[in-house]
Amino acid sequence: MSHSNTRQNKTLLRFSLISVLLLLFIAPLSGFAQDSGTIDTLRQTGKAFAKIAEKASPAVVGIKAETTIKQNYPAMREQPFGEPFDPFGDDFFDFFFRRQAPHQRSPQPKSHRLAQGSGFIISADGYILTNNHLVGGAEKVTVMLADDRELEAKIIGTDPESDVAVIKIDGNDLSYLKLADSDALEVGEWVLAIGNPFGLSHTVTAGIVSAKGRNNVGLTAFEDFIQTDAAINPGNSGGPLLNLDGDAVGINTAIISRSGGNMGIGLAIPINMAKAIYDQLIDSGTVVRGFLGVTIQDLTTELAASFGLKDTKGVLLSDVTEDSAADKAGLKPGDIVVEFEGQPVEKADNFRNRVAMLKPGTKVEVMVLRDGKRKTFTVELGKRPTEGQLAAGQSEVLEQLGFAVRNLTDDLAQRLGYQGLSGVVVSQVEPGSLAGLAGITPGTLIQQVNRHPVGNTKEFDKAIKQAAKEGTVLLLIRDERYTRFVVLKLPKK
């Protein structure tokens, strides 16, 4: 028995040693095989990005927009620390994405401004999509093609309220990008951005779709941004955001940044929104939008409970303008819109965008909750006034100053860092206006007008009209850097 046990033990030991040797030998091979597979996958991903870049780059262009601005007073002032103030510098929202020619420190009758950015060709005969903030108001627009040719472009039309612009160059059989369905884009998908950051032509970056439907950012009147972490920097503005088919899903427009450079949050206009605006600009050179004539707000938990609702889905009508399309159709304050054209309505900004994308005169079906019952109304949409007219009560003074404002919502306060403050937020600034030259930019908070606090757009409009009688408007404004006073002098009539 003892001999037999010894033999069995030796046999077991032998098998154990063989097993260990096999494991030691096989494990590295298995690990190597896995590493090789991972590297091959990465290599294939890189090749896919390279093919997309090769396919799309010829249709991506650089853009230079030149503007001559008349000045009746110094456009520049000194910061407390002696550095020149640059409205396109280190803003929290580096909205304009463009490099500026140096400003003059001393008063000049005229100043020359050069803006640089990107765009992309969308037709063989030379139509190009880009941003309004890049080419709007420009006297000369030059397009640089991938083959180093420079061509002068014609501005077909611009839309400040969405920041979309269309320009055109003369050409035939030009490389162009196909436009995808941005509604089909999903969060987490790979996307590529191509543009000219800091003048570096045809720079390609990759990332994913971080979010969709971003609004209340305070950059434009109509916001439905695609958010991406693909690196975007000054100069990318107006360039395409591409899907893995190499088709355009968006127009790169802005970044959210504390440094002025990429911090992983880029915003692009969905191409479906751009398509609708493009069609109108091609047809007439302008964009007209549908209008209900209502003031709307999202439902909070408290509001929903007060109306006997179980959730916050729907949009509350807090006001209905007299003789507006909504008023004529029978809608009333306190109605809760739950469906528009047969589709659910959940949030105010999305509802506002959907109405605005339709043309005036369009008849739409609006379902509301009134006293706990569903009622459907047929509304013939009116024509939407401009953002400046809406925000400022059609104030002639604000048209002269060149900017528009909107109420400071809780969401805007959180995004812009204005928690606990009151005032109105600048939503739009006309290029070359008094406000623009004084350094007021979209996202600026206006807290006082002629030393009187303003808490909403109605108070602001009243105060600005009163201040205009004196010919000088003194504003207390705040941005990411500091609070300061700005004096705007109205031109003599």
Foldseek 3Di string as FASTA:
>chain_A
DVVVVVVVVVVVVVVVVVVVVCCVVVVVVVVVVVVVVVVVVVVVVVVLLVVLLVQFQQFKKKKKFKDKFFDPAFLWDADPVGDIDDLCAQFQWNFLLFDWDDGDRGDDRIDMTITMAMWGAADQQFKIKFFCSRHPRGPWMWIQGPVRDIFTKAWLAHDQQQRITIIGGGHGRGRGAAADQLVPFDFFAKKKAFWQRVNNHTDIWIWTFHDWQDDLQQAHNADTWTWTQTFDARRSGHTFIAGSVSHGQWGWGIARDSGRGRPRTTITHGVVLNVLQVVVSNVPRDAWFFAQQFDKFWFDPVNCVVLVHPDRFWIFGQQHDPPFQNVVQPDGGGWTWQDKQRHGGGGDSVVVVVRGSDHQQDWIWTWTQDSNDIDITITRTHIDDDQQCVLQVHDPLCVQQFWGWFACDPVLCVSFVNPPAAAIFIRDGRPSGLCVSNSRHRGKGWQDKPNHGDHGSVSVNVSSVVSVVVQKIWTFIDGPPGTDIDIGGGDDD
